[in-house]
Amino acid sequence: MSVSFQTSPGTSPTLQASGVRKSFVSGRVESTVLHDLTLDVRGGELTLISGPSGCGKSTLLAILSGLQPADGGKVHALGHELSGMSMRALEHFRLQHTGFVFQGFNLFPALSALEQVELPLSYMGLDKTTARKRAIDSLEEVGLGPRMSLRPAELSGGEKQRVAIARALAKQPELLFADEPTSALDAANGQIVIDILHRIARNHGTTVLCVSHDPRLVGHADRVLAMEDGRILSDHVPDVSQPAAPEAKEPSA
């Protein structure tokens, strides 16, 4: 049975999934991870997919972002059907239109924060001057302007994650995907990352899709999709009438 969660009237979804299914086979055992999921995600919002470990949320994120194919169903991103693209076209689409933030930061040990952010911009074909300006602007936006010359070993966990966010932000993506972005961070750094992701959605009009089992994200999301056992059980907007938690002060390095 397909469960559908749609956008509000008058809004235009930037990311759509229809009847998405995914199974994995281990030996003779086939396990269904996603059960005919149908959903729309709106632009300019931070949408959180929450749920316990193993519920299928990271697999769903991988399929929606084009990192992994579905067994069935369709995914449309920015009007493009991902399943209809060749591998080369899909890689080009991700490079030009998407940004990724992962739990493990995925930084290069030998590169400074500035070099980390500049690297994907060179693959996009930007000239050095434009790439440098974008990288500096993005690092300043996440509060790392004074530390952009430092390498990962000289940065805290929270700062590493902010470098990863700046690297994604510098691409000026329409779609930003975050997979458990706060799970490796303490409370103060986790709060900073949550605030940054929400500001990116609000200030840049970016579609930010985040998967996490971190309950701290729920109150900062514009929309929360709760998953369990490969199905979306609920779709709701957090109660904004409650006073928001104060923005976290930046922890010392």
Protein backbone atom coordinates (compact mmCIF):
# COMPACT_ATOMS: atom_id res chain seq x y z
CA MET A 1 0.00 0.00 0.00
CA SER A 2 1.42 3.39 -1.00
CA VAL A 3 1.36 6.17 1.58
CA SER A 4 1.35 9.68 0.14
CA PHE A 5 2.46 12.90 1.77
CA GLN A 6 1.96 15.94 -0.42
CA THR A 7 2.80 19.63 -0.41
CA SER A 8 0.34 22.32 0.59
CA PRO A 9 -1.82 23.87 -2.15
CA GLY A 10 0.02 26.60 -4.05
CA THR A 11 3.50 25.35 -3.21
CA SER A 12 5.81 23.82 -5.78
CA PRO A 13 7.77 20.73 -4.75
CA THR A 14 11.43 20.59 -5.77
CA LEU A 15 11.82 16.93 -4.84
CA GLN A 16 9.22 14.21 -5.44
CA ALA A 17 9.16 10.46 -4.86
CA SER A 18 6.42 8.19 -6.13
CA GLY A 19 6.05 4.54 -5.12
CA VAL A 20 9.73 4.18 -4.19
CA ARG A 21 10.74 0.67 -3.17
CA LYS A 22 14.08 -0.75 -2.08
CA SER A 23 15.18 -4.20 -0.93
CA PHE A 24 18.53 -5.76 -0.11
CA VAL A 25 19.45 -9.42 -0.48
CA SER A 26 21.75 -11.27 1.89
CA GLY A 27 22.22 -14.87 0.86
CA ARG A 28 18.72 -16.20 0.25
CA VAL A 29 17.06 -13.60 2.47
CA GLU A 30 15.52 -10.50 0.91
CA SER A 31 14.78 -7.61 3.24
CA THR A 32 12.53 -4.77 2.15
CA VAL A 33 13.91 -1.46 3.37
CA LEU A 34 11.45 0.97 1.74
CA HIS A 35 7.78 0.18 1.10
CA ASP A 36 6.24 2.15 -1.80
CA LEU A 37 7.01 5.61 -0.42
CA THR A 38 5.42 8.67 -2.01
CA LEU A 39 6.30 12.17 -0.84
CA ASP A 40 6.94 15.75 -1.96
CA VAL A 41 9.53 18.10 -0.48
CA ARG A 42 9.19 21.87 -0.75
CA GLY A 43 11.87 24.40 -1.54
CA GLY A 44 13.10 26.89 1.04
CA GLU A 45 12.38 24.57 3.95
CA LEU A 46 14.31 22.32 6.29
CA THR A 47 12.56 18.96 6.09
CA LEU A 48 13.59 16.38 8.66
CA ILE A 49 13.17 12.64 8.19
CA SER A 50 13.36 11.20 11.68
CA GLY A 51 13.28 7.69 13.01
CA PRO A 52 15.31 5.00 14.77
CA SER A 53 18.47 3.48 13.33
CA GLY A 54 17.70 0.93 10.64
CA CYS A 55 14.30 2.36 9.68
CA GLY A 56 15.40 3.15 6.11
CA LYS A 57 15.84 6.91 6.35
CA SER A 58 19.46 6.99 5.10
CA THR A 59 18.54 4.67 2.23
CA LEU A 60 15.68 7.02 1.33
CA LEU A 61 18.05 10.00 1.39
CA ALA A 62 20.51 8.16 -0.87
CA ILE A 63 17.75 7.41 -3.39
CA LEU A 64 16.28 10.92 -3.32
CA SER A 65 19.74 12.41 -3.89
CA GLY A 66 20.60 10.07 -6.75
CA LEU A 67 23.40 8.31 -4.91
CA GLN A 68 21.55 5.00 -5.04
CA PRO A 69 18.92 3.62 -7.44
CA ALA A 70 15.50 2.48 -6.27
CA ASP A 71 14.13 -0.95 -7.16
CA GLY A 72 10.85 0.60 -8.20
CA GLY A 73 9.05 3.91 -8.34
CA LYS A 74 10.27 7.29 -9.57
CA VAL A 75 12.19 10.25 -8.14
CA HIS A 76 11.93 13.73 -9.67
CA ALA A 77 14.43 16.37 -8.57
CA LEU A 78 14.10 19.93 -9.91
CA GLY A 79 11.88 18.52 -12.65
CA HIS A 80 14.33 15.80 -13.74
CA GLU A 81 13.52 12.12 -13.39
CA LEU A 82 16.64 10.65 -11.81
CA SER A 83 15.96 7.07 -12.90
CA GLY A 84 15.91 8.21 -16.51
CA MET A 85 19.42 9.66 -16.38
CA SER A 86 22.63 7.99 -17.47
CA MET A 87 25.34 7.61 -14.82
CA ARG A 88 27.29 10.47 -16.37
CA ALA A 89 24.25 12.76 -16.50
CA LEU A 90 23.41 11.89 -12.90
CA GLU A 91 26.92 12.72 -11.73
CA HIS A 92 26.72 16.05 -13.57
CA PHE A 93 23.33 16.79 -12.01
CA ARG A 94 24.65 16.12 -8.49
CA LEU A 95 27.73 18.25 -9.12
CA GLN A 96 25.78 21.24 -10.39
CA HIS A 97 22.62 21.15 -8.28
CA THR A 98 23.19 19.30 -4.99
CA GLY A 99 25.25 19.56 -1.84
CA PHE A 100 25.94 16.84 0.72
CA VAL A 101 26.77 16.87 4.43
CA PHE A 102 27.64 13.58 6.11
CA GLN A 103 28.13 12.40 9.68
CA GLY A 104 31.84 11.71 9.11
CA PHE A 105 32.70 15.17 7.64
CA ASN A 106 34.61 13.63 4.66
CA LEU A 107 37.45 16.16 4.77
CA PHE A 108 40.93 15.76 3.27
CA PRO A 109 43.59 15.80 6.05
CA ALA A 110 46.18 17.73 4.02
CA LEU A 111 43.90 20.55 2.89
CA SER A 112 43.01 23.75 4.75
CA ALA A 113 39.39 24.63 5.36
CA LEU A 114 39.53 27.09 2.47
CA GLU A 115 41.01 24.49 0.11
CA GLN A 116 38.36 21.95 1.15
CA VAL A 117 35.60 24.35 0.12
CA GLU A 118 37.30 25.42 -3.11
CA LEU A 119 37.89 21.87 -4.36
CA PRO A 120 34.40 21.00 -5.69
CA LEU A 121 34.11 24.47 -7.22
CA SER A 122 37.06 23.72 -9.50
CA TYR A 123 35.24 20.60 -10.72
CA MET A 124 32.23 22.80 -11.50
CA GLY A 125 34.38 24.83 -13.88
CA LEU A 126 34.50 28.06 -11.88
CA ASP A 127 37.51 30.30 -12.36
CA LYS A 128 39.89 30.65 -9.42
CA THR A 129 38.77 34.15 -8.46
CA THR A 130 35.09 33.22 -8.33
CA ALA A 131 35.81 29.98 -6.51
CA ARG A 132 37.95 31.74 -3.90
CA LYS A 133 35.28 34.38 -3.24
CA ARG A 134 32.51 31.79 -2.92
CA ALA A 135 34.63 29.69 -0.58
CA ILE A 136 35.50 32.63 1.67
CA ASP A 137 31.89 33.85 1.75
CA SER A 138 30.62 30.39 2.68
CA LEU A 139 33.18 29.89 5.45
CA GLU A 140 32.33 33.31 6.86
CA GLU A 141 28.63 32.47 6.73
CA VAL A 142 29.19 29.41 8.95
CA GLY A 143 31.40 31.40 11.34
CA LEU A 144 34.79 30.07 10.28
CA GLY A 145 36.30 33.11 8.58
CA PRO A 146 39.17 33.42 11.10
CA ARG A 147 39.97 29.69 10.90
CA MET A 148 39.88 29.05 7.16
CA SER A 149 43.64 28.45 6.93
CA LEU A 150 43.54 25.54 9.39
CA ARG A 151 43.59 21.84 8.51
CA PRO A 152 41.12 19.29 9.94
CA ALA A 153 43.51 18.15 12.69
CA GLU A 154 43.48 21.72 14.03
CA LEU A 155 39.68 21.99 14.09
CA SER A 156 37.08 20.72 16.56
CA GLY A 157 34.39 18.27 15.49
CA GLY A 158 31.84 21.04 15.20
CA GLU A 159 34.19 23.15 13.11
CA LYS A 160 34.87 20.22 10.78
CA GLN A 161 31.16 19.82 10.21
CA ARG A 162 30.82 23.52 9.50
CA VAL A 163 33.60 23.24 6.91
CA ALA A 164 31.60 20.42 5.31
CA ILE A 165 28.49 22.61 5.30
CA ALA A 166 30.44 25.52 3.79
CA ARG A 167 31.78 23.17 1.10
CA ALA A 168 28.21 22.25 0.17
CA LEU A 169 26.92 25.82 0.48
CA ALA A 170 29.63 27.27 -1.79
CA LYS A 171 28.19 25.27 -4.70
CA GLN A 172 24.98 27.28 -4.29
CA PRO A 173 22.91 24.09 -4.54
CA GLU A 174 19.17 24.02 -4.98
CA LEU A 175 19.13 20.76 -2.99
CA LEU A 176 21.13 20.14 0.19
CA PHE A 177 21.15 16.66 1.73
CA ALA A 178 22.37 16.06 5.29
CA ASP A 179 22.82 12.54 6.68
CA GLU A 180 23.01 12.49 10.50
CA PRO A 181 24.87 15.85 10.58
CA THR A 182 24.81 16.23 14.38
CA SER A 183 25.18 12.68 15.68
CA ALA A 184 28.95 12.96 16.19
CA LEU A 185 28.72 16.36 17.92
CA ASP A 186 28.16 17.56 21.46
CA ALA A 187 25.07 19.59 22.33
CA ALA A 188 26.58 23.05 21.71
CA ASN A 189 28.11 22.19 18.34
CA GLY A 190 25.03 20.23 17.32
CA GLN A 191 22.86 23.27 18.02
CA ILE A 192 25.09 25.47 15.86
CA VAL A 193 24.87 23.02 12.95
CA ILE A 194 21.08 22.85 13.24
CA ASP A 195 20.82 26.64 13.23
CA ILE A 196 23.06 26.92 10.16
CA LEU A 197 21.07 24.36 8.18
CA HIS A 198 17.83 26.17 8.99
CA ARG A 199 19.30 29.53 7.97
CA ILE A 200 20.49 28.09 4.66
CA ALA A 201 16.96 26.95 3.84
CA ARG A 202 15.41 30.25 4.92
CA ASN A 203 17.98 32.71 3.52
CA HIS A 204 19.01 30.93 0.31
CA GLY A 205 15.70 29.29 -0.61
CA THR A 206 17.48 25.93 -0.60
CA THR A 207 15.61 22.67 -0.21
CA VAL A 208 17.32 21.13 2.82
CA LEU A 209 16.52 17.48 3.48
CA CYS A 210 18.02 16.05 6.64
CA VAL A 211 17.81 12.55 8.09
CA SER A 212 18.53 12.08 11.76
CA HIS A 213 17.46 10.32 14.92
CA ASP A 214 18.63 13.38 16.92
CA PRO A 215 15.55 14.77 18.74
CA ARG A 216 17.16 18.22 18.89
CA LEU A 217 16.43 18.76 15.21
CA VAL A 218 12.67 18.33 15.52
CA GLY A 219 11.99 21.76 16.97
CA HIS A 220 14.07 23.48 14.28
CA ALA A 221 12.63 21.75 11.23
CA ASP A 222 9.89 23.31 9.12
CA ARG A 223 8.46 19.84 8.54
CA VAL A 224 9.04 16.44 10.13
CA LEU A 225 8.45 13.08 8.44
CA ALA A 226 8.57 10.25 10.99
CA MET A 227 9.76 6.90 9.61
CA GLU A 228 9.63 3.40 11.00
CA ASP A 229 10.27 0.04 9.31
CA GLY A 230 10.59 1.56 5.85
CA ARG A 231 7.36 3.53 5.99
CA ILE A 232 6.48 7.15 6.71
CA LEU A 233 4.11 7.11 9.67
CA SER A 234 3.43 10.83 10.03
CA ASP A 235 3.99 14.19 8.39
CA HIS A 236 3.69 17.25 10.59
CA VAL A 237 4.84 20.82 11.15
CA PRO A 238 6.40 21.44 14.59
CA ASP A 239 4.51 23.75 16.93
CA VAL A 240 6.06 27.15 16.29
CA SER A 241 3.93 28.72 19.02
CA GLN A 242 6.33 27.34 21.59
CA PRO A 243 9.27 29.65 22.40
CA ALA A 244 12.34 28.64 20.41
CA ALA A 245 15.44 27.55 22.22
CA PRO A 246 18.08 30.30 22.39
CA GLU A 247 20.66 30.14 19.65
CA ALA A 248 23.72 28.35 20.92
CA LYS A 249 26.83 30.38 21.64
CA GLU A 250 29.84 29.32 19.70
CA PRO A 251 32.01 26.95 21.76
CA SER A 252 35.64 27.75 22.12
CA ALA A 253 37.96 25.89 19.79
